[in-house]
Structures are given as structure tokens and as C-alpha cells.
Amino acid sequence: MPVGLSPPELLLPVSGIRLATCASGIKASGNSDMVLMVAEPGTQTAAVFTKNAYCAAPVEIAKKHMQQASCSALLINSGNANAGTGRQGEADALMLCQQVASGTGLQATQVLPFSTGVISEPLPVDRMQSGIDQLIPALSENNWFPAAEAIMTTDTIAKGISTQCVIDNQTLTITGISKGSGMIHPDMATMLAFVATDAAVDPFSLQQLIQSVSDKTFNCISVDGDTSTNDAFVLMATGVADSRLLSTSHPEWQVFVEAIESVALHLAQSIIRDGEGATRFIEVKVSGGNSVDDCRKVAFTVAHSPLVKTAFFAGDPNLGRILAAIGRSKVTNLNMHEVSLYIGHLPVLERGEPSDLYDEQQATSIMAEEDVAIHIDLGMGEESARIWTTDLSYDYVKINAEYRS
């Protein structure tokens, strides 16, 4: 069960975006497994992709298409990653893009393909071609929630959120969906996420925005330390709202930035709350660093430690495991005599010395909660960073051992 997470109550339509879903038979469950998203002409699209060198065919095609044309459609499938499939995988993705283009009056280069699921299995092209024939006539502005369900793999719950902001006295809508539960570690990307707004946004500013937002949200989460071969974060601005063009020079740009960040943060944290087998949502804050990179290095070393993660699963305040992880984080000039550690608001270590206020019974109680915070002060400088992770449970092993069963 997800940790403190419920399905989205309402996902608002975004003017200029139409979606459709279908069950093409990729998933053995028979659940929906394809999504088509079509945008109004003139829509600006920005994206960031996985940095895994062994990236999937759809990632390669999507990156090439974004360099050649303005994006007007996304074709997404779950259940099959189309990764490790060689040149045939690329040819299959291109063929499907061409079919979407033919049915929607677009060029194939205006279609971006996305896949998620099992790696190294051929794409079931025949079934997907039949799926596309179902998708095109079913396009509607009101299909965001079905789309959130259709992109799920080991997810247990659909992830999505909508918000609105007012800029130049115009109400702008932002809606986003994401999927992800395992193989989650930030190197952009670690999941699939699709966010759209009806605002008009300068393309250069949009790409800058997606980079900064991903660094503060999707690049701050980790379930298991594995970076996926496939995934991406896409941000689309249709410009259908009757508003002034937004850019970094707009006086209310920060209002828009904060709205996009709030959507991305919810989607990113939803992935952690639905992490495979997770029973804890753990925030790791590191302050007092000489650089943000140092703080992130410590935070992820702690977050990736199987010993730390299993201690949280057990609710066992075996907190020396955290100290050991800090010590092997390879931060230059780290002085453990300056380090402080807190579980929740309970001091464990203060400037290298065991705290007189530490109480193991309180620590056990804090670690039994679903939402747990770790705060590490390095005592070196003024920089800080914050990430989110999960514990490591029996179910994580079971889910991944049986993933192809």
C-alpha cells in the first residue's frame, strides 16, 4: 500500500491537450496500456531524458524528433520498455510514430514515443497498431485520470495533480501525471512524468524551467539507486489561454515557476510514497555543507544504504548505520567531530558527541511513523539539500523477483 497517498480527486483538463487510452494487450492483466496525447499547433514542449547510457529506443527517437520539429503528440505505452531491442526497436518506434502522424495530420517527427515496462522484449507492434486505431477517435480533454492509470507498471496507485495560478489577471491551469515505483534514482530521469499547461511560454524559458524544476524535484528522489533506461519528464505549454507570453523576464514569472514546481514536487514525492514495497516515506535533509553537491552526496549515500533502509523498515534506531553512511560519502575534509544528527526533532549526535537529550524509546516511536525525517548538519558551511527516499522491505524483493512472472 502507498504511504500516505491517495488517487487524485480531480484532474483538470488543459485547453489544447486531448488524450485517449486503450488496452492493446501489452499487459497480461488486460489493463489499459497505451496513451495518446495530442496538442494544439503552436504548443511549446520541453523535455529531459534519462542519462543512462543504455537508453531505450523511444528515448533515442524522442530526442532526435525534438531536435527536428515542434512536438504535437506523445505516444506512450506501458508493459514493454522497448529497451535492449537494437535497431528493430528503433524501427518499431518510428513506425508507430508514423501511424500516429498519418491519423492526426502531423509529421512523424512531431510525435514523441515513450515506453515503460520489461526490458529486452520486442515491442508487440501489431497489437499497438490496433491500439492506435482505437486511440485517435477517442481523444478528449477529459482523459487525464485514465492516462495516469494506463502508464502504470508496478505502481499501485495512479499519480496526478492539478493546480491553477493567476498571472496578468488570467487563470492558468497546470495538470500533471507520473508513473514510477522501482528503478528510481535521479539522473534525469527516473520515471515518466507529463505536465501540461494552457499558458503561453517562451521556448527557451520553458527548457530552462524544466531543468531547474527537475533538479529540485524528480532529481531529489530515490527508491533503490537504479537509474532507468527509458524515462523522461515532459512539460508542454499550449498557449491556448489568452495571456501574455511568459518568460524569465515576465514580472510574475516566479508565480508560474512555483506552480510548476508544486506539481512536479507532488508527482515526485508520490513516486516515493508508492515505492516498491515501501512502508516509510523518508526525508533526508543535509545542511552545513560547503556545497550543494556535498550535501546531496551525503544524502544519497544515506538513502542508498541497505542497512539504513532496512533499519527504518524494522523501526529499529540502529543509528550508527547512518553515521557510517555519512562517513563513507567521500565528502572532502569531512570532520565527524563537527557532524550533528537528528531523527525528527530528536538530537542523536551534536557536533560529534552523543546528545544528552537522546532517548531510544522516543527514537523508536519516531521511526515507527510513516513519515520520518533525518537531519544531518555537516558543520562545514552554509549550503543544504533535501531528498526523499523509502525503506527497504520484504515486499521490494518479492515484487522484483516476480516482476516477469
Foldseek 3Di string as FASTA:
>chain_A
DFQPDDADPDFDFAPFKWKFWAQLPLDVVSAIWKMKIFGDPPKFKAKWAFPPPQAALLVVLQVVLVVPDGAGMEIEGENEQNTPVPPVSNVLLLVLLPLLCVLPVHHSSNYRYAYYHDHPDHDPSVSVSVRSVVISVRIDSRCPQSVQVNHEALFPYRAKDKDWDADPNFIKIKIKTWYAAPLAADPAARTAMEMEIQAAEDNVQVNVLVVVLCVQARNQEHAAHGGDNTYMHMYMHRPNTPDDYDGPPDPCNVVVSVNVSVRRNRNRQSNQSRHQVFQAKEKEKEWQDPDAVLQSLLRVLLQNDLVNLQCLVVLHPPVVSSVVSNVPSPDPPQDLQQKWKDKANQTQAHSNHGDPRDDRVVSSVQSVRRYIYMYMYRNHHGDMGMHIYGHDDPRNVVCVVVSPD
